[in-house]
Amino acid sequence: MSGSQGLLKFGLLVAVTPPGRCRAAPAMIWAIETAELGLRSDRDQFRCSQRGVCVVQPRGRSPSRAKGILAGGRLSLLMPDPELPPYHELRWPALQAVIALGGSATISEMDERTIALAGITEAQQTVPHKGHRNSAIGLRLAFARRYLKGIGALTNSSRGVWSVTEHGRSHTSAEVDAEVKVWLASFRKERSRPDKEPREPDAEQWKDVLIARLLKLPPPGFEQLAQRLLREAGFINVIVTGQSGDGGIDGTGTYRISLVSFPVYFQCKRYKDAVSASAVRDFRGAMAGKGEHGLLITTGSFTAAAKEEATKAGAVPIDLIDGERLCDLLCDYRLGFEVSERIQTEVTVNTDFFNEYGAAP
């Protein structure tokens, strides 16, 4: 293949060729089709994709162990997702994180400190979880909070602030694991009872529905939704520029606070997984010489390194809006929402009231 580039990895030769001109044996070619949110192997076609990306498969080897994409005229190899720490290994760091933060913390603060204590890498933080708005690590951390609350080691307020109890402070790692094991057995037994009352629906389930819908929006539609949201939040002169490419600016607006106003550049990313620090740096680079404040909006989440990069000292500040906050903002401004409040009446009989009419026998 004249002028092509090749890379041998895991027994797979991933080659970049002119579209439709791959000369390898047809029975050993797998085409890779690129999609907005991922990749898939087209096992029914013996051809190169329209983007000229072909995978040559030695006999007996699976192409699912490595994937190749053509990005910016350069071949990139996507390695298999890194192995994640088991669920039970995150409970103790999560408890210690709240203690280290003074005994209370928001979910964001708790997750960031837990990630640091557990030594979770940025690559691990970017692994998505299929069918859920959180990343795989984010979901594991949510389970850690749930288990710690289940054994009474943590409590949480209606404002989303988690705090450690005296019971939690007095425990060792082994004692936490032992109590969780007992609590889980009791929880599963209760859940399997045929006469138990139906479980209340997850209060946050609507966010999964919303994120799933947002991920189906075309890029221009998502940018226009962001434009509408910013206007509702008080921005003026909001314009969608429609620039493409990683690190590009999707739009601008002016935010006014009392007598002061300043321009803000924003970028929208419809991601299932976590946005890395490099994406924040690329966005800041695109803003160089244009503005002094950026806003990065995603349906996914941000890695700890990305959050640090956004507030890097001496650099243009980048405000981050992840999927969780995006859902809350859309709900607050009633964009795509119909919110109804239910008033629950609780009746308690005050038997003492009737004493003046005659004492009870």
Protein backbone atom coordinates (compact mmCIF):
# COMPACT_ATOMS: atom_id res chain seq x y z
CA MET A 1 0.00 0.00 0.00
CA SER A 2 1.97 2.92 -1.28
CA GLY A 3 2.34 5.83 1.09
CA SER A 4 0.35 4.16 3.85
CA GLN A 5 1.16 4.15 7.52
CA GLY A 6 0.90 0.99 9.58
CA LEU A 7 1.07 -0.01 13.19
CA LEU A 8 1.30 -3.55 14.54
CA LYS A 9 -0.40 -3.88 17.89
CA PHE A 10 -1.92 -6.92 19.58
CA GLY A 11 -1.39 -8.83 16.32
CA LEU A 12 -3.53 -6.37 14.37
CA LEU A 13 -2.16 -4.30 11.51
CA VAL A 14 -4.06 -1.04 11.42
CA ALA A 15 -3.37 0.69 8.11
CA VAL A 16 -4.32 4.03 6.61
CA THR A 17 -4.95 3.84 2.87
CA PRO A 18 -6.75 5.85 0.20
CA PRO A 19 -10.49 5.02 0.45
CA GLY A 20 -11.33 1.75 -1.29
CA ARG A 21 -7.73 0.95 -2.29
CA CYS A 22 -6.70 -1.52 0.36
CA ARG A 23 -4.98 -4.45 -1.41
CA ALA A 24 -4.88 -6.92 1.47
CA ALA A 25 -6.76 -10.21 1.21
CA PRO A 26 -10.48 -9.36 1.46
CA ALA A 27 -11.18 -12.16 3.93
CA MET A 28 -8.73 -10.60 6.37
CA ILE A 29 -9.99 -6.99 6.25
CA TRP A 30 -12.24 -5.39 8.79
CA ALA A 31 -13.60 -1.93 8.09
CA ILE A 32 -13.90 0.57 10.87
CA GLU A 33 -16.76 3.03 10.61
CA THR A 34 -16.46 6.12 12.75
CA ALA A 35 -19.45 7.54 14.56
CA GLU A 36 -20.08 10.68 16.56
CA LEU A 37 -19.88 8.91 19.89
CA GLY A 38 -17.73 5.86 19.19
CA LEU A 39 -16.61 3.15 16.82
CA ARG A 40 -17.99 -0.13 15.58
CA SER A 41 -16.60 -3.00 13.54
CA ASP A 42 -18.39 -3.66 10.27
CA ARG A 43 -17.91 -7.42 10.06
CA ASP A 44 -20.19 -7.89 7.08
CA GLN A 45 -18.16 -5.80 4.66
CA PHE A 46 -14.75 -6.60 3.18
CA ARG A 47 -13.67 -3.09 2.37
CA CYS A 48 -12.02 -0.03 3.77
CA SER A 49 -14.19 2.65 5.30
CA GLN A 50 -14.84 5.88 3.47
CA ARG A 51 -12.25 7.52 5.68
CA GLY A 52 -9.64 5.07 4.49
CA VAL A 53 -9.16 3.17 7.73
CA CYS A 54 -8.67 -0.58 7.35
CA VAL A 55 -7.87 -3.30 9.84
CA VAL A 56 -5.98 -6.36 8.64
CA GLN A 57 -6.81 -9.27 10.89
CA PRO A 58 -4.41 -12.24 11.16
CA ARG A 59 -6.41 -15.43 11.22
CA GLY A 60 -7.74 -16.41 14.61
CA ARG A 61 -7.31 -12.98 16.21
CA SER A 62 -10.19 -10.75 17.27
CA PRO A 63 -10.28 -7.17 15.99
CA SER A 64 -12.08 -6.03 19.15
CA ARG A 65 -8.80 -5.83 21.08
CA ALA A 66 -7.72 -2.66 19.34
CA LYS A 67 -9.42 0.00 17.29
CA GLY A 68 -7.96 2.44 14.84
CA ILE A 69 -9.27 5.81 13.79
CA LEU A 70 -8.08 8.45 11.40
CA ALA A 71 -8.07 11.80 13.19
CA GLY A 72 -6.66 14.97 11.71
CA GLY A 73 -4.86 13.03 8.99
CA ARG A 74 -3.00 11.00 11.59
CA LEU A 75 -3.62 7.44 12.76
CA SER A 76 -4.46 7.08 16.42
CA LEU A 77 -4.71 3.73 18.19
CA LEU A 78 -7.30 3.45 20.93
CA MET A 79 -6.06 1.02 23.56
CA PRO A 80 -8.49 -1.21 25.49
CA ASP A 81 -10.07 0.51 28.50
CA PRO A 82 -7.80 0.40 31.56
CA GLU A 83 -8.74 -1.92 34.40
CA LEU A 84 -10.76 -0.23 37.13
CA PRO A 85 -10.43 -0.78 40.87
CA PRO A 86 -13.10 -3.11 42.31
CA TYR A 87 -16.08 -1.52 44.03
CA HIS A 88 -15.04 -2.65 47.51
CA GLU A 89 -11.64 -0.97 47.24
CA LEU A 90 -13.22 2.49 46.99
CA ARG A 91 -15.29 2.43 50.19
CA TRP A 92 -12.45 3.09 52.61
CA PRO A 93 -10.84 5.91 50.53
CA ALA A 94 -14.29 7.49 50.20
CA LEU A 95 -14.78 7.49 53.97
CA GLN A 96 -11.28 8.84 54.58
CA ALA A 97 -11.88 11.55 51.97
CA VAL A 98 -14.79 13.02 53.94
CA ILE A 99 -12.80 12.86 57.17
CA ALA A 100 -9.84 14.60 55.51
CA LEU A 101 -12.13 17.36 54.22
CA GLY A 102 -13.18 18.27 57.75
CA GLY A 103 -15.97 15.75 58.25
CA SER A 104 -18.26 17.01 55.49
CA ALA A 105 -18.06 17.45 51.71
CA THR A 106 -20.08 17.90 48.57
CA ILE A 107 -20.17 14.98 46.15
CA SER A 108 -17.70 16.74 43.85
CA GLU A 109 -15.23 17.41 46.68
CA MET A 110 -15.62 13.89 47.99
CA ASP A 111 -15.06 12.30 44.59
CA GLU A 112 -11.98 14.40 43.86
CA ARG A 113 -10.34 13.53 47.18
CA THR A 114 -11.29 9.85 46.85
CA ILE A 115 -9.76 9.71 43.39
CA ALA A 116 -6.54 11.19 44.76
CA LEU A 117 -6.42 8.84 47.76
CA ALA A 118 -7.15 5.76 45.63
CA GLY A 119 -4.58 6.75 42.99
CA ILE A 120 -7.10 6.59 40.14
CA THR A 121 -5.50 7.69 36.88
CA GLU A 122 -6.99 10.09 34.35
CA ALA A 123 -7.27 7.22 31.87
CA GLN A 124 -9.39 5.28 34.37
CA GLN A 125 -11.58 8.33 34.95
CA THR A 126 -12.42 8.60 31.25
CA VAL A 127 -13.82 5.05 30.97
CA PRO A 128 -17.58 5.39 30.26
CA HIS A 129 -20.31 3.26 31.77
CA LYS A 130 -22.75 1.93 29.22
CA GLY A 131 -26.31 3.06 29.81
CA HIS A 132 -25.53 5.50 32.61
CA ARG A 133 -24.79 9.22 32.69
CA ASN A 134 -21.86 8.73 35.10
CA SER A 135 -18.45 7.45 34.11
CA ALA A 136 -17.55 3.94 35.29
CA ILE A 137 -15.52 5.40 38.16
CA GLY A 138 -18.29 7.88 38.97
CA LEU A 139 -20.76 5.02 39.31
CA ARG A 140 -18.38 3.09 41.57
CA LEU A 141 -17.97 6.15 43.78
CA ALA A 142 -21.76 6.53 43.96
CA PHE A 143 -22.04 2.92 45.16
CA ALA A 144 -19.32 3.59 47.74
CA ARG A 145 -21.39 6.46 49.16
CA ARG A 146 -24.52 4.33 49.17
CA TYR A 147 -22.84 1.48 51.06
CA LEU A 148 -21.27 3.83 53.61
CA LYS A 149 -24.65 5.44 54.20
CA GLY A 150 -26.23 2.01 54.48
CA ILE A 151 -24.00 1.06 57.43
CA GLY A 152 -24.41 4.46 59.06
CA ALA A 153 -20.87 5.68 58.43
CA LEU A 154 -22.05 8.63 56.33
CA THR A 155 -25.18 10.76 56.18
CA ASN A 156 -26.30 13.26 53.54
CA SER A 157 -28.47 16.35 53.62
CA SER A 158 -31.10 17.44 51.12
CA ARG A 159 -28.54 19.91 49.73
CA GLY A 160 -26.16 17.12 48.73
CA VAL A 161 -23.65 17.58 51.54
CA TRP A 162 -22.25 14.35 52.95
CA SER A 163 -20.91 14.10 56.50
CA VAL A 164 -19.16 11.42 58.53
CA THR A 165 -20.79 10.04 61.69
CA GLU A 166 -19.12 9.00 64.93
CA HIS A 167 -19.86 5.46 63.86
CA GLY A 168 -17.89 6.06 60.67
CA ARG A 169 -14.96 7.72 62.44
CA SER A 170 -14.49 4.78 64.80
CA HIS A 171 -14.23 2.11 62.10
CA THR A 172 -11.24 0.44 60.53
CA SER A 173 -11.15 -0.61 56.89
CA ALA A 174 -11.79 -4.25 57.85
CA GLU A 175 -14.76 -3.28 60.02
CA VAL A 176 -16.27 -1.25 57.18
CA ASP A 177 -15.98 -4.21 54.80
CA ALA A 178 -17.52 -6.57 57.36
CA GLU A 179 -20.48 -4.28 58.06
CA VAL A 180 -21.12 -3.68 54.37
CA LYS A 181 -21.22 -7.43 53.81
CA VAL A 182 -23.88 -7.84 56.50
CA TRP A 183 -25.85 -4.82 55.28
CA LEU A 184 -25.83 -6.04 51.68
CA ALA A 185 -27.11 -9.46 52.72
CA SER A 186 -29.96 -7.82 54.64
CA PHE A 187 -30.71 -5.41 51.81
CA ARG A 188 -30.90 -8.19 49.21
CA LYS A 189 -33.09 -10.31 51.46
CA GLU A 190 -35.50 -7.42 51.99
CA ARG A 191 -35.59 -6.63 48.30
CA SER A 192 -36.49 -10.23 47.43
CA ARG A 193 -39.54 -10.33 49.72
CA PRO A 194 -42.70 -10.90 47.62
CA ASP A 195 -44.87 -8.89 50.05
CA LYS A 196 -42.65 -5.84 50.26
CA GLU A 197 -43.97 -2.49 49.12
CA PRO A 198 -42.91 -1.24 45.67
CA ARG A 199 -39.62 0.66 45.83
CA GLU A 200 -39.81 4.39 45.25
CA PRO A 201 -38.37 5.42 41.87
CA ASP A 202 -34.87 6.93 41.83
CA ALA A 203 -35.21 10.66 42.38
CA GLU A 204 -32.38 11.24 39.92
CA GLN A 205 -33.66 8.86 37.25
CA TRP A 206 -34.89 11.77 35.14
CA LYS A 207 -31.29 12.81 34.62
CA ASP A 208 -30.50 9.53 32.87
CA VAL A 209 -33.49 10.09 30.56
CA LEU A 210 -32.41 13.66 29.86
CA ILE A 211 -28.74 12.83 29.16
CA ALA A 212 -29.78 10.00 26.83
CA ARG A 213 -31.91 12.46 24.87
CA LEU A 214 -29.19 15.12 24.74
CA LEU A 215 -26.72 12.61 23.35
CA LYS A 216 -29.04 12.09 20.39
CA LEU A 217 -29.03 15.76 19.45
CA PRO A 218 -26.98 16.74 16.38
CA PRO A 219 -23.98 18.99 17.19
CA PRO A 220 -25.68 22.19 15.91
CA GLY A 221 -28.78 21.40 17.96
CA PHE A 222 -26.79 20.92 21.15
CA GLU A 223 -24.98 24.21 20.54
CA GLN A 224 -28.30 26.01 20.02
CA LEU A 225 -29.63 24.49 23.25
CA ALA A 226 -26.55 25.82 25.05
CA GLN A 227 -27.21 29.20 23.47
CA ARG A 228 -30.78 29.17 24.81
CA LEU A 229 -29.60 28.12 28.27
CA LEU A 230 -27.03 30.91 28.45
CA ARG A 231 -29.65 33.46 27.45
CA GLU A 232 -31.98 32.19 30.15
CA ALA A 233 -29.09 32.50 32.64
CA GLY A 234 -28.59 36.16 31.85
CA PHE A 235 -26.09 36.18 29.00
CA ILE A 236 -26.61 38.68 26.17
CA ASN A 237 -25.37 38.76 22.59
CA VAL A 238 -25.00 34.96 22.57
CA ILE A 239 -23.79 33.80 19.16
CA VAL A 240 -23.10 30.25 17.95
CA THR A 241 -20.05 30.39 15.70
CA GLY A 242 -20.24 26.80 14.51
CA GLN A 243 -16.48 26.22 14.37
CA SER A 244 -15.49 22.57 14.21
CA GLY A 245 -12.51 20.57 15.34
CA ASP A 246 -11.06 19.71 18.73
CA GLY A 247 -10.29 22.79 20.76
CA GLY A 248 -12.62 24.94 18.63
CA ILE A 249 -14.88 27.67 19.97
CA ASP A 250 -18.58 26.93 19.53
CA GLY A 251 -19.90 30.33 20.54
CA THR A 252 -19.55 33.59 22.43
CA GLY A 253 -21.69 35.62 24.77
CA THR A 254 -21.53 38.49 27.21
CA TYR A 255 -22.28 37.95 30.88
CA ARG A 256 -23.51 40.97 32.79
CA ILE A 257 -23.26 41.29 36.58
CA SER A 258 -24.79 44.53 37.83
CA LEU A 259 -22.64 47.30 36.30
CA VAL A 260 -19.94 44.97 34.96
CA SER A 261 -20.00 42.78 31.85
CA PHE A 262 -17.39 40.59 30.19
CA PRO A 263 -17.21 38.30 27.13
CA VAL A 264 -17.29 34.53 27.55
CA TYR A 265 -16.32 31.91 24.96
CA PHE A 266 -18.01 28.54 25.22
CA GLN A 267 -17.52 25.05 23.86
CA CYS A 268 -20.02 22.16 23.87
CA LYS A 269 -19.07 18.48 24.08
CA ARG A 270 -21.68 15.73 23.80
CA TYR A 271 -19.63 13.09 25.61
CA LYS A 272 -20.65 9.90 27.34
CA ASP A 273 -17.35 9.66 29.16
CA ALA A 274 -15.13 12.13 30.99
CA VAL A 275 -13.48 15.16 29.44
CA SER A 276 -9.72 15.10 29.99
CA ALA A 277 -7.25 17.86 30.87
CA SER A 278 -5.98 17.96 27.30
CA ALA A 279 -9.45 19.02 26.07
CA VAL A 280 -9.42 21.92 28.54
CA ARG A 281 -5.95 22.94 27.35
CA ASP A 282 -7.02 22.74 23.71
CA PHE A 283 -10.02 24.96 24.40
CA ARG A 284 -7.87 27.48 26.24
CA GLY A 285 -5.44 27.45 23.33
CA ALA A 286 -8.25 28.20 20.89
CA MET A 287 -9.18 31.20 23.04
CA ALA A 288 -5.64 32.62 23.03
CA GLY A 289 -5.72 36.32 22.18
CA LYS A 290 -9.53 36.36 21.96
CA GLY A 291 -10.98 36.23 25.45
CA GLU A 292 -10.24 35.98 29.14
CA HIS A 293 -12.96 33.61 30.25
CA GLY A 294 -14.20 30.26 28.95
CA LEU A 295 -17.13 27.94 29.60
CA LEU A 296 -16.94 24.23 28.77
CA ILE A 297 -20.27 22.38 28.71
CA THR A 298 -20.51 18.59 28.48
CA THR A 299 -23.10 15.86 28.92
CA GLY A 300 -20.40 13.72 30.51
CA SER A 301 -18.06 14.49 33.38
CA PHE A 302 -14.60 15.95 33.94
CA THR A 303 -11.52 14.17 35.21
CA ALA A 304 -9.79 15.48 38.33
CA ALA A 305 -6.91 16.65 36.15
CA ALA A 306 -9.34 18.54 33.91
CA LYS A 307 -10.77 20.37 36.92
CA GLU A 308 -7.27 21.31 38.06
CA GLU A 309 -6.37 22.50 34.57
CA ALA A 310 -9.50 24.66 34.42
CA THR A 311 -8.41 26.65 37.48
CA LYS A 312 -4.68 26.64 36.74
CA ALA A 313 -2.94 29.64 38.30
CA GLY A 314 -1.91 32.30 35.80
CA ALA A 315 -4.00 30.81 32.98
CA VAL A 316 -7.31 31.90 31.48
CA PRO A 317 -10.01 30.46 33.79
CA ILE A 318 -12.40 27.89 32.35
CA ASP A 319 -15.71 27.24 34.09
CA LEU A 320 -16.94 23.66 33.79
CA ILE A 321 -20.53 22.44 33.49
CA ASP A 322 -20.81 18.65 33.61
CA GLY A 323 -23.82 16.49 32.84
CA GLU A 324 -25.14 16.59 36.40
CA ARG A 325 -25.10 20.39 36.56
CA LEU A 326 -26.39 20.71 33.01
CA CYS A 327 -29.44 18.65 33.97
CA ASP A 328 -30.05 20.83 37.03
CA LEU A 329 -29.73 24.04 35.01
CA LEU A 330 -32.13 22.86 32.31
CA CYS A 331 -34.60 21.91 35.04
CA ASP A 332 -34.17 25.22 36.91
CA TYR A 333 -34.89 27.22 33.77
CA ARG A 334 -37.69 24.84 32.72
CA LEU A 335 -36.11 24.05 29.37
CA GLY A 336 -37.79 20.83 28.28
CA PHE A 337 -39.40 20.30 31.69
CA GLU A 338 -42.83 20.20 33.22
CA VAL A 339 -42.41 20.21 36.97
CA SER A 340 -45.37 19.45 39.22
CA GLU A 341 -45.31 19.66 43.01
CA ARG A 342 -47.20 17.16 45.11
CA ILE A 343 -48.58 18.03 48.52
CA GLN A 344 -48.77 14.98 50.76
CA THR A 345 -51.33 15.11 53.56
CA GLU A 346 -50.45 13.30 56.75
CA VAL A 347 -53.27 12.77 59.27
CA THR A 348 -52.66 12.14 62.97
CA VAL A 349 -55.48 11.79 65.46
CA ASN A 350 -55.08 13.84 68.66
CA THR A 351 -57.08 11.73 71.12
CA ASP A 352 -56.55 14.22 73.96
CA PHE A 353 -58.77 16.68 72.11
CA PHE A 354 -61.81 14.60 73.00
CA ASN A 355 -61.11 14.51 76.76
CA GLU A 356 -63.20 17.62 77.37
CA TYR A 357 -66.19 15.77 75.99
CA GLY A 358 -65.71 12.80 78.27
CA ALA A 359 -62.81 10.76 79.58
CA ALA A 360 -62.02 7.50 77.84
CA PRO A 361 -63.31 4.47 79.75
